[in-house]
Amino acid sequence: MKLKTKFGVIIIFLAFFGCKEETPEPILVKAIFSPEVSTIKEKEQVTFTDQSTNNPTSRNWSFEGGVPSSSTEKSPTVTFESPGQYQVTLTVTGPDNSDNATGTVTVEELVQVVPIFDADTMLIKVGGSIVFEDLSEGNPNTWSWVFEGGDPSSSSEQHPTVTYAEEGSYAVSLTVSNEDTDASETIEDFITVEVEVASGFGDDADGWTIVGDASGGSNIDAAYSPFAGLDDSGYIYAEDKVTGGVWYFNAPNKYLGDKVGFYGGALTFWLIQDSNMRNQFNSKDVIIRGNGKEMVYYHDVYPSKSWTSFTVPIDVVGGWVDTAGEALTKEEMEEILAEVTSIWIRGEFETGADTGGLDQFEMIKP
């Protein structure tokens, strides 16, 4: 009986332990993502990718300083608006555990370009050239210029030179860019191109005539000499071989019409006289007529037997008077200048025979 009992216990023991199930190994997830470290510019996007092992059942991203600030997507795209260093955290969960990983994003400030430009002059004569200077901030490395009315009409040079062939006011535009940003600036009426209101007499008399008591009569073409001018080129002249009245150099059409914009400027010219210099006389030296009125100017000195420079200010300080000798107001002068019909420059200063010459005449704006 004892033997049977022991044998039965052994059988029961083996049956009990032989039927017990084995415990499975835990499935552990590990959080991994890319990129772990990233350097971007502000307002730039970066895409993160969950590369965690063992197929996590859920994930949660946290983006410090990012938009969005959190996500459950596998590969979220995030924008960082402001410069700085920010932490990125990924937490993943599986059947048997949770895990997290952290990384950093460095957001650098954008280098903003600011288009700024200037020119060596903003007022030129027709046919003149201007050198433009780029003064932009932010270290630009590309330039795109647009020149209204200019030649060339556009340029990618940093400091281009442009020629203007027609009268007018013109806009200039500049677009600059660097690796981060681009920006544009346009200035309307930045350049003013004027018709040159001047006579250098390099080739001919430039349309000037003679009025008054000169040899050959009144309203004759001014005589032209190709030599002995100020710059060894030409000048105009007239002769008077008799005793009588006074004669004047009469300006051509380009000096007439609306010249009110020249108020505050000046007339500049050179005179010379060939006479015995013994019988000089006073008379109106410069006469400008317009709108049925007249403004008169008197020189302080006579021209000599060598070239003498004259500058006549076109303003109330200059000493202009009306036909009665009364000082003119600004308004009265502007009324005449608004519709100029003639400009006379005195060429005769000697009673009797003489010759007078004119060179380098210019009407200058303020």
Protein backbone atom coordinates (compact mmCIF):
# COMPACT_ATOMS: atom_id res chain seq x y z
CA MET A 1 0.00 0.00 0.00
CA LYS A 2 2.78 2.46 0.76
CA LEU A 3 4.38 1.96 -2.61
CA LYS A 4 1.20 2.70 -4.46
CA THR A 5 0.70 5.92 -2.56
CA LYS A 6 4.14 7.27 -3.44
CA PHE A 7 3.71 6.39 -7.06
CA GLY A 8 0.42 8.27 -7.21
CA VAL A 9 1.92 11.42 -5.73
CA ILE A 10 4.65 11.40 -8.32
CA ILE A 11 2.12 11.14 -11.13
CA ILE A 12 0.05 14.01 -9.76
CA PHE A 13 3.16 16.20 -9.36
CA LEU A 14 4.34 15.59 -12.91
CA ALA A 15 0.90 16.22 -14.29
CA PHE A 16 0.59 19.52 -12.46
CA PHE A 17 3.94 20.97 -13.45
CA GLY A 18 4.00 19.49 -16.91
CA CYS A 19 0.82 21.34 -17.95
CA LYS A 20 1.84 24.92 -16.77
CA GLU A 21 2.12 27.58 -19.68
CA GLU A 22 5.35 29.56 -20.23
CA THR A 23 5.27 33.40 -19.59
CA PRO A 24 5.95 35.37 -22.89
CA GLU A 25 8.83 37.91 -23.19
CA PRO A 26 7.65 41.55 -22.86
CA ILE A 27 7.52 43.64 -26.06
CA LEU A 28 9.43 46.84 -25.24
CA VAL A 29 9.12 49.87 -27.50
CA LYS A 30 12.02 52.32 -27.87
CA ALA A 31 11.45 55.92 -28.94
CA ILE A 32 13.59 57.04 -31.87
CA PHE A 33 13.02 59.90 -34.29
CA SER A 34 14.82 61.90 -36.91
CA PRO A 35 16.23 64.41 -37.18
CA GLU A 36 17.46 64.47 -33.59
CA VAL A 37 19.33 67.70 -34.16
CA SER A 38 18.28 70.29 -36.74
CA THR A 39 19.34 73.82 -37.60
CA ILE A 40 16.85 75.88 -39.58
CA LYS A 41 15.91 79.50 -40.21
CA GLU A 42 13.01 81.23 -38.50
CA LYS A 43 9.62 80.60 -40.13
CA GLU A 44 11.14 77.57 -41.87
CA GLN A 45 9.49 74.13 -41.66
CA VAL A 46 11.05 70.86 -40.54
CA THR A 47 9.52 67.36 -40.78
CA PHE A 48 10.13 64.88 -37.96
CA THR A 49 9.73 61.11 -38.50
CA ASP A 50 8.95 58.52 -35.82
CA GLN A 51 11.40 55.62 -36.23
CA SER A 52 10.62 53.91 -32.94
CA THR A 53 11.11 50.12 -32.67
CA ASN A 54 8.60 47.36 -31.92
CA ASN A 55 5.56 49.06 -33.40
CA PRO A 56 4.30 51.39 -30.69
CA THR A 57 0.55 51.58 -30.43
CA SER A 58 0.49 55.32 -29.79
CA ARG A 59 2.78 58.33 -29.98
CA ASN A 60 2.75 61.89 -28.77
CA TRP A 61 5.04 64.66 -29.97
CA SER A 62 5.80 67.87 -28.09
CA PHE A 63 7.38 70.78 -29.97
CA GLU A 64 8.63 73.61 -27.80
CA GLY A 65 8.25 76.88 -29.73
CA GLY A 66 6.71 75.11 -32.70
CA VAL A 67 3.47 75.35 -34.64
CA PRO A 68 1.76 73.01 -33.97
CA SER A 69 3.04 72.54 -30.44
CA SER A 70 2.03 68.85 -30.36
CA SER A 71 1.04 66.03 -32.70
CA THR A 72 0.15 62.33 -32.84
CA GLU A 73 1.11 61.91 -36.49
CA LYS A 74 3.98 59.67 -37.48
CA SER A 75 5.72 62.37 -39.54
CA PRO A 76 4.50 65.81 -38.50
CA THR A 77 5.71 69.04 -40.15
CA VAL A 78 6.41 71.90 -37.76
CA THR A 79 7.13 75.61 -38.24
CA PHE A 80 9.33 77.57 -35.84
CA GLU A 81 8.51 81.27 -35.93
CA SER A 82 11.20 82.76 -33.71
CA PRO A 83 14.96 82.38 -33.32
CA GLY A 84 16.16 80.22 -30.41
CA GLN A 85 16.92 76.68 -29.33
CA TYR A 86 13.93 74.42 -28.73
CA GLN A 87 13.36 70.90 -27.38
CA VAL A 88 11.47 68.22 -29.27
CA THR A 89 10.09 65.23 -27.32
CA LEU A 90 8.58 62.00 -28.68
CA THR A 91 6.75 59.67 -26.27
CA VAL A 92 5.71 56.25 -27.59
CA THR A 93 3.62 53.55 -25.89
CA GLY A 94 3.48 49.82 -26.53
CA PRO A 95 1.74 46.85 -24.86
CA ASP A 96 4.33 46.57 -22.13
CA ASN A 97 6.03 49.96 -21.74
CA SER A 98 6.39 53.61 -22.68
CA ASP A 99 9.55 55.41 -23.78
CA ASN A 100 10.56 58.90 -24.83
CA ALA A 101 13.32 60.58 -26.79
CA THR A 102 14.35 64.20 -26.96
CA GLY A 103 16.13 66.31 -29.54
CA THR A 104 16.89 69.94 -30.21
CA VAL A 105 16.06 72.40 -32.95
CA THR A 106 18.19 75.49 -33.39
CA VAL A 107 16.32 78.28 -35.16
CA GLU A 108 18.52 80.99 -36.62
CA GLU A 109 17.38 84.53 -37.31
CA LEU A 110 16.75 85.43 -40.94
CA VAL A 111 19.12 88.02 -42.37
CA GLN A 112 16.72 90.62 -43.73
CA VAL A 113 17.80 92.59 -46.76
CA VAL A 114 16.81 96.26 -46.97
CA PRO A 115 17.08 97.83 -50.44
CA ILE A 116 18.71 101.26 -50.33
CA PHE A 117 20.21 103.14 -53.26
CA ASP A 118 21.53 106.53 -54.27
CA ALA A 119 22.95 108.21 -57.36
CA ASP A 120 25.85 110.53 -58.03
CA THR A 121 23.26 113.04 -59.24
CA MET A 122 19.50 113.08 -59.59
CA LEU A 123 19.34 115.98 -62.06
CA ILE A 124 20.98 115.70 -65.46
CA LYS A 125 20.69 117.08 -68.96
CA VAL A 126 19.35 115.06 -71.88
CA GLY A 127 22.04 112.62 -73.01
CA GLY A 128 23.74 112.60 -69.62
CA SER A 129 24.65 109.54 -67.55
CA ILE A 130 24.15 108.66 -63.89
CA VAL A 131 26.06 106.20 -61.71
CA PHE A 132 23.75 104.41 -59.27
CA GLU A 133 25.10 103.13 -55.96
CA ASP A 134 23.71 100.17 -54.05
CA LEU A 135 23.69 100.88 -50.30
CA SER A 136 21.45 97.98 -49.31
CA GLU A 137 21.68 96.34 -45.89
CA GLY A 138 21.69 92.62 -45.16
CA ASN A 139 24.57 91.63 -47.45
CA PRO A 140 22.62 91.07 -50.67
CA ASN A 141 24.25 88.96 -53.36
CA THR A 142 21.85 89.64 -56.24
CA TRP A 143 20.59 92.93 -57.63
CA SER A 144 17.78 93.63 -60.07
CA TRP A 145 17.44 97.25 -61.19
CA VAL A 146 14.70 98.76 -63.35
CA PHE A 147 15.30 102.20 -64.86
CA GLU A 148 12.25 103.91 -66.31
CA GLY A 149 13.33 105.89 -69.37
CA GLY A 150 16.95 104.77 -69.01
CA ASP A 151 19.46 102.95 -71.18
CA PRO A 152 19.89 100.20 -70.16
CA SER A 153 16.35 99.83 -68.83
CA SER A 154 17.46 97.12 -66.38
CA SER A 155 20.65 95.80 -64.83
CA SER A 156 21.94 93.10 -62.50
CA GLU A 157 25.11 95.02 -61.64
CA GLN A 158 25.58 96.33 -58.14
CA HIS A 159 26.54 99.84 -59.26
CA PRO A 160 25.23 100.38 -62.82
CA THR A 161 25.66 103.42 -65.07
CA VAL A 162 22.56 104.59 -66.96
CA THR A 163 22.05 107.15 -69.75
CA TYR A 164 18.86 109.15 -70.28
CA ALA A 165 17.98 110.39 -73.76
CA GLU A 166 14.69 112.20 -73.20
CA GLU A 167 13.43 114.95 -70.94
CA GLY A 168 11.23 113.88 -68.02
CA SER A 169 11.06 112.51 -64.49
CA TYR A 170 11.69 108.81 -64.04
CA ALA A 171 11.26 106.09 -61.42
CA VAL A 172 14.01 103.73 -60.26
CA SER A 173 13.41 100.29 -58.72
CA LEU A 174 15.83 97.96 -56.97
CA THR A 175 15.20 94.38 -55.83
CA VAL A 176 17.91 92.75 -53.71
CA SER A 177 18.20 89.29 -52.21
CA ASN A 178 20.46 87.12 -50.09
CA GLU A 179 20.24 83.47 -49.01
CA ASP A 180 17.36 84.27 -46.65
CA THR A 181 15.19 87.10 -47.95
CA ASP A 182 14.48 89.47 -50.81
CA ALA A 183 12.94 92.94 -50.89
CA SER A 184 12.16 95.71 -53.36
CA GLU A 185 12.15 99.50 -53.31
CA THR A 186 10.76 101.89 -55.92
CA ILE A 187 11.18 105.66 -55.85
CA GLU A 188 8.97 107.58 -58.24
CA ASP A 189 10.41 110.63 -60.02
CA PHE A 190 13.86 109.83 -58.61
CA ILE A 191 15.65 111.10 -61.71
CA THR A 192 14.93 114.38 -63.48
CA VAL A 193 16.23 114.83 -67.01
CA GLU A 194 16.18 118.33 -68.47
CA VAL A 195 16.84 119.76 -71.88
CA GLU A 196 20.08 121.67 -71.64
CA VAL A 197 19.18 125.34 -71.79
CA ALA A 198 22.62 126.50 -72.84
CA SER A 199 24.60 127.67 -75.84
CA GLY A 200 28.27 126.79 -76.03
CA PHE A 201 28.65 127.84 -79.68
CA GLY A 202 30.93 124.93 -80.46
CA ASP A 203 29.57 124.50 -83.99
CA ASP A 204 27.34 127.44 -84.93
CA ALA A 205 25.34 130.43 -83.64
CA ASP A 206 22.69 128.09 -82.16
CA GLY A 207 19.81 130.21 -83.47
CA TRP A 208 20.81 133.49 -81.80
CA THR A 209 20.03 136.71 -83.65
CA ILE A 210 20.90 140.37 -83.31
CA VAL A 211 18.26 143.04 -82.61
CA GLY A 212 18.71 146.81 -82.43
CA ASP A 213 21.21 149.18 -83.99
CA ALA A 214 23.95 146.94 -85.40
CA SER A 215 25.73 146.94 -88.74
CA GLY A 216 23.60 145.07 -91.25
CA GLY A 217 20.34 146.14 -89.62
CA SER A 218 18.10 144.78 -86.89
CA ASN A 219 16.85 141.19 -86.64
CA ILE A 220 19.85 139.64 -88.34
CA ASP A 221 21.58 136.37 -87.60
CA ALA A 222 24.39 136.66 -85.12
CA ALA A 223 27.81 136.32 -86.72
CA TYR A 224 29.68 133.16 -85.77
CA SER A 225 33.39 132.75 -85.28
CA PRO A 226 34.76 129.23 -84.83
CA PHE A 227 37.82 130.56 -83.01
CA ALA A 228 38.85 132.64 -80.01
CA GLY A 229 36.00 131.65 -77.72
CA LEU A 230 36.50 130.77 -74.10
CA ASP A 231 37.49 127.17 -74.81
CA ASP A 232 39.25 127.97 -78.09
CA SER A 233 36.09 127.02 -79.93
CA GLY A 234 33.37 129.32 -81.27
CA TYR A 235 31.41 132.34 -80.11
CA ILE A 236 28.90 134.80 -81.62
CA TYR A 237 29.36 138.50 -82.24
CA ALA A 238 28.05 141.59 -84.00
CA GLU A 239 29.58 144.88 -85.12
CA ASP A 240 28.38 148.46 -84.89
CA LYS A 241 30.32 150.91 -87.00
CA VAL A 242 28.12 153.94 -86.41
CA THR A 243 26.95 156.13 -83.59
CA GLY A 244 23.36 155.46 -82.66
CA GLY A 245 21.25 153.16 -80.52
CA VAL A 246 22.09 149.92 -78.75
CA TRP A 247 21.97 146.36 -80.04
CA TYR A 248 21.33 143.06 -78.23
CA PHE A 249 21.92 139.35 -78.60
CA ASN A 250 18.44 137.78 -78.93
CA ALA A 251 17.98 134.27 -77.47
CA PRO A 252 16.47 131.46 -79.61
CA ASN A 253 13.25 129.53 -78.95
CA LYS A 254 14.67 127.03 -76.47
CA TYR A 255 14.93 129.85 -73.92
CA LEU A 256 11.32 130.93 -74.42
CA GLY A 257 7.97 129.68 -73.14
CA ASP A 258 7.29 128.49 -69.61
CA LYS A 259 10.45 129.14 -67.62
CA VAL A 260 8.90 129.74 -64.21
CA GLY A 261 10.90 126.77 -62.93
CA PHE A 262 14.04 128.86 -63.37
CA TYR A 263 13.01 131.34 -60.68
CA GLY A 264 15.72 131.15 -58.04
CA GLY A 265 18.28 130.09 -60.65
CA ALA A 266 20.50 132.30 -62.79
CA LEU A 267 21.64 133.39 -66.21
CA THR A 268 25.37 132.91 -66.74
CA PHE A 269 27.36 134.09 -69.75
CA TRP A 270 30.58 135.70 -70.92
CA LEU A 271 30.90 138.97 -72.84
CA ILE A 272 33.76 140.68 -74.63
CA GLN A 273 33.97 144.04 -76.40
CA ASP A 274 36.42 145.35 -78.94
CA SER A 275 36.32 149.13 -78.62
CA ASN A 276 38.46 152.02 -77.50
CA MET A 277 36.74 151.77 -74.07
CA ARG A 278 36.47 155.59 -73.87
CA ASN A 279 32.78 156.23 -74.36
CA GLN A 280 31.01 153.51 -72.38
CA PHE A 281 27.33 154.18 -71.70
CA ASN A 282 24.62 152.78 -69.48
CA SER A 283 21.56 150.99 -70.80
CA LYS A 284 19.39 147.99 -70.02
CA ASP A 285 21.82 145.07 -69.87
CA VAL A 286 19.40 142.10 -69.71
CA ILE A 287 15.74 142.25 -70.75
CA ILE A 288 13.24 139.44 -70.30
CA ARG A 289 9.72 139.91 -71.67
CA GLY A 290 6.66 137.79 -71.05
CA ASN A 291 2.90 138.09 -70.65
CA GLY A 292 3.07 141.65 -71.99
CA LYS A 293 5.48 142.76 -69.26
CA GLU A 294 9.20 143.37 -69.00
CA MET A 295 11.89 142.76 -66.38
CA VAL A 296 15.20 144.61 -66.63
CA TYR A 297 18.62 144.00 -65.13
CA TYR A 298 21.64 146.34 -64.95
CA HIS A 299 25.24 145.12 -64.63
CA ASP A 300 27.61 146.62 -62.09
CA VAL A 301 30.51 146.53 -64.56
CA TYR A 302 31.09 146.66 -68.31
CA PRO A 303 32.67 143.78 -70.18
CA SER A 304 36.32 144.35 -70.97
CA LYS A 305 38.50 143.65 -73.99
CA SER A 306 39.03 140.14 -72.62
CA TRP A 307 36.28 137.69 -71.77
CA THR A 308 34.28 138.84 -68.72
CA SER A 309 32.00 136.53 -66.72
CA PHE A 310 28.48 137.59 -65.70
CA THR A 311 26.02 135.85 -63.38
CA VAL A 312 22.51 137.27 -63.17
CA PRO A 313 20.37 135.80 -60.35
CA ILE A 314 16.76 135.21 -61.38
CA ASP A 315 15.08 136.27 -58.15
CA VAL A 316 14.02 139.37 -56.23
CA VAL A 317 17.45 139.63 -54.61
CA GLY A 318 19.07 139.88 -58.04
CA GLY A 319 17.98 143.48 -58.57
CA TRP A 320 15.45 143.15 -61.38
CA VAL A 321 13.19 146.15 -62.01
CA ASP A 322 10.25 146.98 -64.24
CA THR A 323 10.26 149.59 -67.03
CA ALA A 324 9.65 152.33 -64.45
CA GLY A 325 12.66 151.26 -62.39
CA GLU A 326 10.57 149.76 -59.58
CA ALA A 327 11.77 146.55 -57.94
CA LEU A 328 9.79 143.49 -59.00
CA THR A 329 8.14 141.09 -56.59
CA LYS A 330 8.50 137.33 -56.84
CA GLU A 331 4.94 137.05 -58.13
CA GLU A 332 5.57 139.65 -60.84
CA MET A 333 8.75 137.90 -61.96
CA GLU A 334 7.04 134.50 -62.04
CA GLU A 335 4.24 135.95 -64.16
CA ILE A 336 6.79 137.06 -66.77
CA LEU A 337 8.75 133.81 -66.57
CA ALA A 338 5.59 131.76 -67.05
CA GLU A 339 5.45 132.81 -70.73
CA VAL A 340 8.80 134.21 -71.84
CA THR A 341 8.64 135.79 -75.30
CA SER A 342 12.17 137.18 -75.55
CA ILE A 343 15.51 137.38 -73.74
CA TRP A 344 17.96 140.09 -74.78
CA ILE A 345 21.59 140.38 -73.68
CA ARG A 346 23.24 143.74 -74.39
CA GLY A 347 26.18 143.51 -76.79
CA GLU A 348 27.00 147.21 -77.34
CA PHE A 349 28.60 149.30 -74.60
CA GLU A 350 30.58 151.92 -76.59
CA THR A 351 29.20 155.01 -78.27
CA GLY A 352 30.53 154.72 -81.79
CA ALA A 353 32.21 151.83 -83.58
CA ASP A 354 32.62 148.61 -81.59
CA THR A 355 32.29 144.83 -81.72
CA GLY A 356 30.70 142.70 -79.01
CA GLY A 357 30.90 138.94 -78.43
CA LEU A 358 28.90 136.38 -76.40
CA ASP A 359 29.95 132.90 -75.28
CA GLN A 360 28.88 130.09 -72.92
CA PHE A 361 25.34 131.29 -72.25
CA GLU A 362 23.27 129.16 -69.88
CA MET A 363 19.93 129.39 -68.10
CA ILE A 364 20.27 127.48 -64.82
CA LYS A 365 17.56 126.14 -62.55
CA PRO A 366 17.86 126.52 -58.77
